[in-house]
Amino acid sequence: MSMKEAYEKKLEAQLDEWNAKIDALKAKADSAEAETQLAYYKEIEELRTMQQAANSKLTELKESGDDAWEDLKAGMDSAWHSLSNAVKSATSRFG
């Protein structure tokens, strides 16, 4: 397995983990009181938008050549860091 493939697998696994956490937040939101639901849903919408952006970057990475992927890695790491912090923050606030 190349470094690029290993990196892709790592990112895919992390996206799956975050998706599960966001789904758990959605389940809590669905059973919360109306006012709390609004805060949950707004946060979940922001997380889903960030997740879609990260997924797009992953697709771009997968489509890149073996030489170009290193150039994309910095942007990927930044997107992943932002999404990771947002998921942790939401989980601690609503958890």
PDB file of N, CA and C in Angstrom:
ATOM      1  N   MET A   1       0.851  -1.176   0.000  1.00  0.00           N
ATOM      2  CA  MET A   1       0.000   0.000   0.000  1.00  0.00           C
ATOM      3  C   MET A   1       0.896   1.239   0.000  1.00  0.00           C
ATOM      4  N   SER A   2       0.596   2.167  -0.873  1.00  0.00           N
ATOM      5  CA  SER A   2       1.399   3.388  -0.962  1.00  0.00           C
ATOM      6  C   SER A   2       1.040   4.335   0.188  1.00  0.00           C
ATOM      7  N   MET A   3       1.856   5.340   0.379  1.00  0.00           N
ATOM      8  CA  MET A   3       1.591   6.353   1.403  1.00  0.00           C
ATOM      9  C   MET A   3       0.263   7.059   1.110  1.00  0.00           C
ATOM     10  N   LYS A   4       0.018   7.324  -0.160  1.00  0.00           N
ATOM     11  CA  LYS A   4      -1.232   7.990  -0.546  1.00  0.00           C
ATOM     12  C   LYS A   4      -2.432   7.127  -0.183  1.00  0.00           C
ATOM     13  N   GLU A   5      -2.368   5.838  -0.506  1.00  0.00           N
ATOM     14  CA  GLU A   5      -3.480   4.931  -0.199  1.00  0.00           C
ATOM     15  C   GLU A   5      -3.707   4.825   1.312  1.00  0.00           C
ATOM     16  N   ALA A   6      -2.636   4.752   2.060  1.00  0.00           N
ATOM     17  CA  ALA A   6      -2.749   4.676   3.519  1.00  0.00           C
ATOM     18  C   ALA A   6      -3.393   5.945   4.071  1.00  0.00           C
ATOM     19  N   TYR A   7      -2.994   7.083   3.536  1.00  0.00           N
ATOM     20  CA  TYR A   7      -3.552   8.366   3.957  1.00  0.00           C
ATOM     21  C   TYR A   7      -5.043   8.431   3.627  1.00  0.00           C
ATOM     22  N   GLU A   8      -5.414   7.990   2.435  1.00  0.00           N
ATOM     23  CA  GLU A   8      -6.826   7.964   2.033  1.00  0.00           C
ATOM     24  C   GLU A   8      -7.645   7.087   2.974  1.00  0.00           C
ATOM     25  N   LYS A   9      -7.140   5.914   3.294  1.00  0.00           N
ATOM     26  CA  LYS A   9      -7.848   4.983   4.197  1.00  0.00           C
ATOM     27  C   LYS A   9      -8.043   5.620   5.569  1.00  0.00           C
ATOM     28  N   LYS A  10      -7.007   6.289   6.051  1.00  0.00           N
ATOM     29  CA  LYS A  10      -7.088   6.961   7.353  1.00  0.00           C
ATOM     30  C   LYS A  10      -8.177   8.031   7.326  1.00  0.00           C
ATOM     31  N   LEU A  11      -8.219   8.827   6.266  1.00  0.00           N
ATOM     32  CA  LEU A  11      -9.211   9.887   6.158  1.00  0.00           C
ATOM     33  C   LEU A  11     -10.621   9.324   6.020  1.00  0.00           C
ATOM     34  N   GLU A  12     -10.778   8.255   5.252  1.00  0.00           N
ATOM     35  CA  GLU A  12     -12.095   7.621   5.110  1.00  0.00           C
ATOM     36  C   GLU A  12     -12.601   7.096   6.449  1.00  0.00           C
ATOM     37  N   ALA A  13     -11.727   6.486   7.215  1.00  0.00           N
ATOM     38  CA  ALA A  13     -12.110   5.967   8.531  1.00  0.00           C
ATOM     39  C   ALA A  13     -12.520   7.105   9.456  1.00  0.00           C
ATOM     40  N   GLN A  14     -11.785   8.207   9.401  1.00  0.00           N
ATOM     41  CA  GLN A  14     -12.119   9.355  10.243  1.00  0.00           C
ATOM     42  C   GLN A  14     -13.451   9.961   9.838  1.00  0.00           C
ATOM     43  N   LEU A  15     -13.710  10.056   8.542  1.00  0.00           N
ATOM     44  CA  LEU A  15     -15.007  10.571   8.078  1.00  0.00           C
ATOM     45  C   LEU A  15     -16.151   9.682   8.571  1.00  0.00           C
ATOM     46  N   ASP A  16     -15.955   8.385   8.521  1.00  0.00           N
ATOM     47  CA  ASP A  16     -16.983   7.445   9.005  1.00  0.00           C
ATOM     48  C   ASP A  16     -17.250   7.660  10.497  1.00  0.00           C
ATOM     49  N   GLU A  17     -16.177   7.860  11.257  1.00  0.00           N
ATOM     50  CA  GLU A  17     -16.321   8.081  12.701  1.00  0.00           C
ATOM     51  C   GLU A  17     -17.094   9.375  12.970  1.00  0.00           C
ATOM     52  N   TRP A  18     -16.729  10.436  12.257  1.00  0.00           N
ATOM     53  CA  TRP A  18     -17.430  11.705  12.444  1.00  0.00           C
ATOM     54  C   TRP A  18     -18.880  11.604  12.014  1.00  0.00           C
ATOM     55  N   ASN A  19     -19.156  10.871  10.957  1.00  0.00           N
ATOM     56  CA  ASN A  19     -20.527  10.689  10.511  1.00  0.00           C
ATOM     57  C   ASN A  19     -21.356  10.031  11.613  1.00  0.00           C
ATOM     58  N   ALA A  20     -20.794   9.041  12.270  1.00  0.00           N
ATOM     59  CA  ALA A  20     -21.493   8.365  13.368  1.00  0.00           C
ATOM     60  C   ALA A  20     -21.758   9.333  14.525  1.00  0.00           C
ATOM     61  N   LYS A  21     -20.781  10.172  14.835  1.00  0.00           N
ATOM     62  CA  LYS A  21     -20.964  11.143  15.919  1.00  0.00           C
ATOM     63  C   LYS A  21     -22.025  12.176  15.560  1.00  0.00           C
ATOM     64  N   ILE A  22     -22.025  12.630  14.317  1.00  0.00           N
ATOM     65  CA  ILE A  22     -23.033  13.594  13.880  1.00  0.00           C
ATOM     66  C   ILE A  22     -24.417  12.947  13.896  1.00  0.00           C
ATOM     67  N   ASP A  23     -24.504  11.686  13.484  1.00  0.00           N
ATOM     68  CA  ASP A  23     -25.779  10.961  13.551  1.00  0.00           C
ATOM     69  C   ASP A  23     -26.269  10.847  14.995  1.00  0.00           C
ATOM     70  N   ALA A  24     -25.348  10.630  15.928  1.00  0.00           N
ATOM     71  CA  ALA A  24     -25.722  10.547  17.339  1.00  0.00           C
ATOM     72  C   ALA A  24     -26.242  11.895  17.839  1.00  0.00           C
ATOM     73  N   LEU A  25     -25.609  12.979  17.408  1.00  0.00           N
ATOM     74  CA  LEU A  25     -26.100  14.306  17.774  1.00  0.00           C
ATOM     75  C   LEU A  25     -27.497  14.533  17.197  1.00  0.00           C
ATOM     76  N   LYS A  26     -27.710  14.077  15.973  1.00  0.00           N
ATOM     77  CA  LYS A  26     -29.032  14.220  15.340  1.00  0.00           C
ATOM     78  C   LYS A  26     -30.082  13.450  16.126  1.00  0.00           C
ATOM     79  N   ALA A  27     -29.756  12.272  16.600  1.00  0.00           N
ATOM     80  CA  ALA A  27     -30.696  11.482  17.396  1.00  0.00           C
ATOM     81  C   ALA A  27     -31.038  12.206  18.701  1.00  0.00           C
ATOM     82  N   LYS A  28     -30.028  12.820  19.329  1.00  0.00           N
ATOM     83  CA  LYS A  28     -30.300  13.597  20.543  1.00  0.00           C
ATOM     84  C   LYS A  28     -31.171  14.796  20.224  1.00  0.00           C
ATOM     85  N   ALA A  29     -30.895  15.449  19.109  1.00  0.00           N
ATOM     86  CA  ALA A  29     -31.676  16.618  18.711  1.00  0.00           C
ATOM     87  C   ALA A  29     -33.135  16.245  18.488  1.00  0.00           C
ATOM     88  N   ASP A  30     -33.361  15.104  17.876  1.00  0.00           N
ATOM     89  CA  ASP A  30     -34.724  14.672  17.583  1.00  0.00           C
ATOM     90  C   ASP A  30     -35.553  14.469  18.843  1.00  0.00           C
ATOM     91  N   SER A  31     -34.889  14.158  19.963  1.00  0.00           N
ATOM     92  CA  SER A  31     -35.626  13.912  21.202  1.00  0.00           C
ATOM     93  C   SER A  31     -35.542  15.086  22.185  1.00  0.00           C
ATOM     94  N   ALA A  32     -34.920  16.172  21.782  1.00  0.00           N
ATOM     95  CA  ALA A  32     -34.762  17.332  22.656  1.00  0.00           C
ATOM     96  C   ALA A  32     -35.995  18.229  22.595  1.00  0.00           C
ATOM     97  N   GLU A  33     -36.048  19.171  23.527  1.00  0.00           N
ATOM     98  CA  GLU A  33     -37.131  20.145  23.525  1.00  0.00           C
ATOM     99  C   GLU A  33     -36.960  21.070  22.325  1.00  0.00           C
ATOM    100  N   ALA A  34     -38.053  21.705  21.916  1.00  0.00           N
ATOM    101  CA  ALA A  34     -38.080  22.490  20.679  1.00  0.00           C
ATOM    102  C   ALA A  34     -36.975  23.540  20.617  1.00  0.00           C
ATOM    103  N   GLU A  35     -36.776  24.284  21.681  1.00  0.00           N
ATOM    104  CA  GLU A  35     -35.761  25.346  21.660  1.00  0.00           C
ATOM    105  C   GLU A  35     -34.352  24.767  21.528  1.00  0.00           C
ATOM    106  N   THR A  36     -34.102  23.679  22.210  1.00  0.00           N
ATOM    107  CA  THR A  36     -32.806  23.019  22.132  1.00  0.00           C
ATOM    108  C   THR A  36     -32.610  22.401  20.761  1.00  0.00           C
ATOM    109  N   GLN A  37     -33.687  21.896  20.171  1.00  0.00           N
ATOM    110  CA  GLN A  37     -33.611  21.297  18.840  1.00  0.00           C
ATOM    111  C   GLN A  37     -33.059  22.286  17.819  1.00  0.00           C
ATOM    112  N   LEU A  38     -33.500  23.530  17.903  1.00  0.00           N
ATOM    113  CA  LEU A  38     -33.034  24.532  16.948  1.00  0.00           C
ATOM    114  C   LEU A  38     -31.522  24.697  17.013  1.00  0.00           C
ATOM    115  N   ALA A  39     -30.977  24.751  18.205  1.00  0.00           N
ATOM    116  CA  ALA A  39     -29.523  24.879  18.365  1.00  0.00           C
ATOM    117  C   ALA A  39     -28.824  23.638  17.827  1.00  0.00           C
ATOM    118  N   TYR A  40     -29.354  22.472  18.159  1.00  0.00           N
ATOM    119  CA  TYR A  40     -28.797  21.215  17.649  1.00  0.00           C
ATOM    120  C   TYR A  40     -28.783  21.190  16.124  1.00  0.00           C
ATOM    121  N   TYR A  41     -29.943  21.482  15.537  1.00  0.00           N
ATOM    122  CA  TYR A  41     -30.069  21.385  14.089  1.00  0.00           C
ATOM    123  C   TYR A  41     -29.163  22.369  13.362  1.00  0.00           C
ATOM    124  N   LYS A  42     -29.015  23.562  13.919  1.00  0.00           N
ATOM    125  CA  LYS A  42     -28.114  24.545  13.308  1.00  0.00           C
ATOM    126  C   LYS A  42     -26.676  24.022  13.334  1.00  0.00           C
ATOM    127  N   GLU A  43     -26.267  23.503  14.473  1.00  0.00           N
ATOM    128  CA  GLU A  43     -24.915  22.960  14.623  1.00  0.00           C
ATOM    129  C   GLU A  43     -24.702  21.762  13.694  1.00  0.00           C
ATOM    130  N   ILE A  44     -25.692  20.886  13.626  1.00  0.00           N
ATOM    131  CA  ILE A  44     -25.593  19.698  12.774  1.00  0.00           C
ATOM    132  C   ILE A  44     -25.492  20.104  11.309  1.00  0.00           C
ATOM    133  N   GLU A  45     -26.242  21.111  10.912  1.00  0.00           N
ATOM    134  CA  GLU A  45     -26.175  21.587   9.526  1.00  0.00           C
ATOM    135  C   GLU A  45     -24.771  22.102   9.201  1.00  0.00           C
ATOM    136  N   GLU A  46     -24.180  22.840  10.133  1.00  0.00           N
ATOM    137  CA  GLU A  46     -22.817  23.342   9.933  1.00  0.00           C
ATOM    138  C   GLU A  46     -21.819  22.185   9.846  1.00  0.00           C
ATOM    139  N   LEU A  47     -21.991  21.181  10.700  1.00  0.00           N
ATOM    140  CA  LEU A  47     -21.102  20.019  10.674  1.00  0.00           C
ATOM    141  C   LEU A  47     -21.237  19.257   9.359  1.00  0.00           C
ATOM    142  N   ARG A  48     -22.458  19.088   8.892  1.00  0.00           N
ATOM    143  CA  ARG A  48     -22.676  18.375   7.621  1.00  0.00           C
ATOM    144  C   ARG A  48     -22.034  19.137   6.453  1.00  0.00           C
ATOM    145  N   THR A  49     -22.117  20.471   6.481  1.00  0.00           N
ATOM    146  CA  THR A  49     -21.495  21.279   5.433  1.00  0.00           C
ATOM    147  C   THR A  49     -19.982  21.086   5.459  1.00  0.00           C
ATOM    148  N   MET A  50     -19.397  21.115   6.646  1.00  0.00           N
ATOM    149  CA  MET A  50     -17.956  20.895   6.780  1.00  0.00           C
ATOM    150  C   MET A  50     -17.582  19.484   6.340  1.00  0.00           C
ATOM    151  N   GLN A  51     -18.428  18.525   6.683  1.00  0.00           N
ATOM    152  CA  GLN A  51     -18.181  17.139   6.311  1.00  0.00           C
ATOM    153  C   GLN A  51     -18.220  16.972   4.792  1.00  0.00           C
ATOM    154  N   GLN A  52     -19.165  17.630   4.141  1.00  0.00           N
ATOM    155  CA  GLN A  52     -19.247  17.566   2.677  1.00  0.00           C
ATOM    156  C   GLN A  52     -18.003  18.170   2.038  1.00  0.00           C
ATOM    157  N   ALA A  53     -17.522  19.284   2.603  1.00  0.00           N
ATOM    158  CA  ALA A  53     -16.309  19.915   2.074  1.00  0.00           C
ATOM    159  C   ALA A  53     -15.112  18.982   2.240  1.00  0.00           C
ATOM    160  N   ALA A  54     -15.020  18.335   3.389  1.00  0.00           N
ATOM    161  CA  ALA A  54     -13.915  17.399   3.626  1.00  0.00           C
ATOM    162  C   ALA A  54     -14.012  16.206   2.680  1.00  0.00           C
ATOM    163  N   ASN A  55     -15.215  15.739   2.455  1.00  0.00           N
ATOM    164  CA  ASN A  55     -15.411  14.613   1.539  1.00  0.00           C
ATOM    165  C   ASN A  55     -15.024  15.004   0.110  1.00  0.00           C
ATOM    166  N   SER A  56     -15.330  16.228  -0.290  1.00  0.00           N
ATOM    167  CA  SER A  56     -14.940  16.716  -1.614  1.00  0.00           C
ATOM    168  C   SER A  56     -13.422  16.760  -1.751  1.00  0.00           C
ATOM    169  N   LYS A  57     -12.758  17.201  -0.685  1.00  0.00           N
ATOM    170  CA  LYS A  57     -11.293  17.240  -0.699  1.00  0.00           C
ATOM    171  C   LYS A  57     -10.725  15.828  -0.793  1.00  0.00           C
ATOM    172  N   LEU A  58     -11.365  14.886  -0.125  1.00  0.00           N
ATOM    173  CA  LEU A  58     -10.912  13.500  -0.199  1.00  0.00           C
ATOM    174  C   LEU A  58     -11.073  12.968  -1.624  1.00  0.00           C
ATOM    175  N   THR A  59     -12.177  13.296  -2.262  1.00  0.00           N
ATOM    176  CA  THR A  59     -12.387  12.879  -3.650  1.00  0.00           C
ATOM    177  C   THR A  59     -11.318  13.481  -4.551  1.00  0.00           C
ATOM    178  N   GLU A  60     -11.012  14.748  -4.331  1.00  0.00           N
ATOM    179  CA  GLU A  60      -9.959  15.418  -5.101  1.00  0.00           C
ATOM    180  C   GLU A  60      -8.614  14.725  -4.891  1.00  0.00           C
ATOM    181  N   LEU A  61      -8.358  14.350  -3.659  1.00  0.00           N
ATOM    182  CA  LEU A  61      -7.114  13.645  -3.341  1.00  0.00           C
ATOM    183  C   LEU A  61      -7.051  12.302  -4.067  1.00  0.00           C
ATOM    184  N   LYS A  62      -8.154  11.567  -4.046  1.00  0.00           N
ATOM    185  CA  LYS A  62      -8.196  10.258  -4.696  1.00  0.00           C
ATOM    186  C   LYS A  62      -7.956  10.365  -6.200  1.00  0.00           C
ATOM    187  N   GLU A  63      -8.435  11.456  -6.785  1.00  0.00           N
ATOM    188  CA  GLU A  63      -8.303  11.648  -8.221  1.00  0.00           C
ATOM    189  C   GLU A  63      -6.946  12.222  -8.618  1.00  0.00           C
ATOM    190  N   SER A  64      -6.187  12.675  -7.636  1.00  0.00           N
ATOM    191  CA  SER A  64      -4.890  13.270  -7.945  1.00  0.00           C
ATOM    192  C   SER A  64      -3.871  12.177  -8.252  1.00  0.00           C
ATOM    193  N   GLY A  65      -2.859  12.554  -8.964  1.00  0.00           N
ATOM    194  CA  GLY A  65      -1.779  11.620  -9.265  1.00  0.00           C
ATOM    195  C   GLY A  65      -0.906  11.392  -8.047  1.00  0.00           C
ATOM    196  N   ASP A  66      -0.092  10.382  -8.119  1.00  0.00           N
ATOM    197  CA  ASP A  66       0.780  10.058  -6.993  1.00  0.00           C
ATOM    198  C   ASP A  66       1.740  11.193  -6.657  1.00  0.00           C
ATOM    199  N   ASP A  67       2.107  11.982  -7.651  1.00  0.00           N
ATOM    200  CA  ASP A  67       3.028  13.089  -7.406  1.00  0.00           C
ATOM    201  C   ASP A  67       2.326  14.294  -6.800  1.00  0.00           C
ATOM    202  N   ALA A  68       1.069  14.533  -7.173  1.00  0.00           N
ATOM    203  CA  ALA A  68       0.354  15.739  -6.759  1.00  0.00           C
ATOM    204  C   ALA A  68      -0.283  15.631  -5.377  1.00  0.00           C
ATOM    205  N   TRP A  69      -0.471  14.439  -4.858  1.00  0.00           N
ATOM    206  CA  TRP A  69      -1.217  14.303  -3.619  1.00  0.00           C
ATOM    207  C   TRP A  69      -0.526  14.961  -2.442  1.00  0.00           C
ATOM    208  N   GLU A  70       0.785  14.999  -2.452  1.00  0.00           N
ATOM    209  CA  GLU A  70       1.521  15.663  -1.366  1.00  0.00           C
ATOM    210  C   GLU A  70       1.161  17.149  -1.300  1.00  0.00           C
ATOM    211  N   ASP A  71       0.937  17.762  -2.466  1.00  0.00           N
ATOM    212  CA  ASP A  71       0.559  19.174  -2.497  1.00  0.00           C
ATOM    213  C   ASP A  71      -0.830  19.392  -1.903  1.00  0.00           C
ATOM    214  N   LEU A  72      -1.707  18.421  -2.038  1.00  0.00           N
ATOM    215  CA  LEU A  72      -3.067  18.527  -1.512  1.00  0.00           C
ATOM    216  C   LEU A  72      -3.143  18.213  -0.018  1.00  0.00           C
ATOM    217  N   LYS A  73      -2.135  17.561   0.503  1.00  0.00           N
ATOM    218  CA  LYS A  73      -2.159  17.084   1.881  1.00  0.00           C
ATOM    219  C   LYS A  73      -2.332  18.221   2.893  1.00  0.00           C
ATOM    220  N   ALA A  74      -1.680  19.347   2.686  1.00  0.00           N
ATOM    221  CA  ALA A  74      -1.791  20.459   3.629  1.00  0.00           C
ATOM    222  C   ALA A  74      -3.232  20.959   3.721  1.00  0.00           C
ATOM    223  N   GLY A  75      -3.884  21.110   2.576  1.00  0.00           N
ATOM    224  CA  GLY A  75      -5.284  21.526   2.579  1.00  0.00           C
ATOM    225  C   GLY A  75      -6.182  20.503   3.235  1.00  0.00           C
ATOM    226  N   MET A  76      -5.885  19.244   2.998  1.00  0.00           N
ATOM    227  CA  MET A  76      -6.653  18.162   3.614  1.00  0.00           C
ATOM    228  C   MET A  76      -6.503  18.211   5.130  1.00  0.00           C
ATOM    229  N   ASP A  77      -5.268  18.348   5.578  1.00  0.00           N
ATOM    230  CA  ASP A  77      -5.014  18.372   7.018  1.00  0.00           C
ATOM    231  C   ASP A  77      -5.738  19.538   7.683  1.00  0.00           C
ATOM    232  N   SER A  78      -5.771  20.677   7.011  1.00  0.00           N
ATOM    233  CA  SER A  78      -6.457  21.849   7.549  1.00  0.00           C
ATOM    234  C   SER A  78      -7.964  21.603   7.646  1.00  0.00           C
ATOM    235  N   ALA A  79      -8.553  21.061   6.598  1.00  0.00           N
ATOM    236  CA  ALA A  79      -9.989  20.768   6.598  1.00  0.00           C
ATOM    237  C   ALA A  79     -10.325  19.741   7.678  1.00  0.00           C
ATOM    238  N   TRP A  80      -9.478  18.736   7.803  1.00  0.00           N
ATOM    239  CA  TRP A  80      -9.706  17.684   8.804  1.00  0.00           C
ATOM    240  C   TRP A  80      -9.604  18.248  10.211  1.00  0.00           C
ATOM    241  N   HIS A  81      -8.649  19.114  10.431  1.00  0.00           N
ATOM    242  CA  HIS A  81      -8.457  19.717  11.752  1.00  0.00           C
ATOM    243  C   HIS A  81      -9.685  20.555  12.126  1.00  0.00           C
ATOM    244  N   SER A  82     -10.179  21.342  11.174  1.00  0.00           N
ATOM    245  CA  SER A  82     -11.355  22.178  11.433  1.00  0.00           C
ATOM    246  C   SER A  82     -12.581  21.329  11.753  1.00  0.00           C
ATOM    247  N   LEU A  83     -12.804  20.296  10.967  1.00  0.00           N
ATOM    248  CA  LEU A  83     -13.957  19.427  11.196  1.00  0.00           C
ATOM    249  C   LEU A  83     -13.820  18.677  12.513  1.00  0.00           C
ATOM    250  N   SER A  84     -12.630  18.217  12.807  1.00  0.00           N
ATOM    251  CA  SER A  84     -12.393  17.512  14.062  1.00  0.00           C
ATOM    252  C   SER A  84     -12.722  18.401  15.260  1.00  0.00           C
ATOM    253  N   ASN A  85     -12.247  19.627  15.232  1.00  0.00           N
ATOM    254  CA  ASN A  85     -12.526  20.561  16.329  1.00  0.00           C
ATOM    255  C   ASN A  85     -14.012  20.865  16.441  1.00  0.00           C
ATOM    256  N   ALA A  86     -14.685  21.032  15.309  1.00  0.00           N
ATOM    257  CA  ALA A  86     -16.114  21.319  15.318  1.00  0.00           C
ATOM    258  C   ALA A  86     -16.930  20.159  15.880  1.00  0.00           C
ATOM    259  N   VAL A  87     -16.569  18.936  15.507  1.00  0.00           N
ATOM    260  CA  VAL A  87     -17.277  17.756  16.020  1.00  0.00           C
ATOM    261  C   VAL A  87     -17.039  17.616  17.527  1.00  0.00           C
ATOM    262  N   LYS A  88     -15.804  17.798  17.970  1.00  0.00           N
ATOM    263  CA  LYS A  88     -15.492  17.711  19.398  1.00  0.00           C
ATOM    264  C   LYS A  88     -16.255  18.769  20.174  1.00  0.00           C
ATOM    265  N   SER A  89     -16.291  19.979  19.654  1.00  0.00           N
ATOM    266  CA  SER A  89     -16.984  21.076  20.316  1.00  0.00           C
ATOM    267  C   SER A  89     -18.481  20.804  20.428  1.00  0.00           C
ATOM    268  N   ALA A  90     -19.085  20.376  19.333  1.00  0.00           N
ATOM    269  CA  ALA A  90     -20.514  20.078  19.336  1.00  0.00           C
ATOM    270  C   ALA A  90     -20.836  18.926  20.271  1.00  0.00           C
ATOM    271  N   THR A  91     -20.005  17.909  20.249  1.00  0.00           N
ATOM    272  CA  THR A  91     -20.237  16.746  21.108  1.00  0.00           C
ATOM    273  C   THR A  91     -20.147  17.133  22.585  1.00  0.00           C
ATOM    274  N   SER A  92     -19.197  17.984  22.924  1.00  0.00           N
ATOM    275  CA  SER A  92     -19.065  18.389  24.330  1.00  0.00           C
ATOM    276  C   SER A  92     -20.201  19.324  24.749  1.00  0.00           C
ATOM    277  N   ARG A  93     -20.638  20.190  23.840  1.00  0.00           N
ATOM    278  CA  ARG A  93     -21.728  21.116  24.158  1.00  0.00           C
ATOM    279  C   ARG A  93     -23.073  20.407  24.284  1.00  0.00           C
ATOM    280  N   PHE A  94     -23.335  19.493  23.367  1.00  0.00           N
ATOM    281  CA  PHE A  94     -24.636  18.833  23.337  1.00  0.00           C
ATOM    282  C   PHE A  94     -24.620  17.439  23.930  1.00  0.00           C
ATOM    283  N   GLY A  95     -23.424  16.940  24.226  1.00  0.00           N
ATOM    284  CA  GLY A  95     -23.285  15.580  24.722  1.00  0.00           C
ATOM    285  C   GLY A  95     -23.781  15.442  26.101  1.00  0.00           C
TER     286      GLY A  95
END
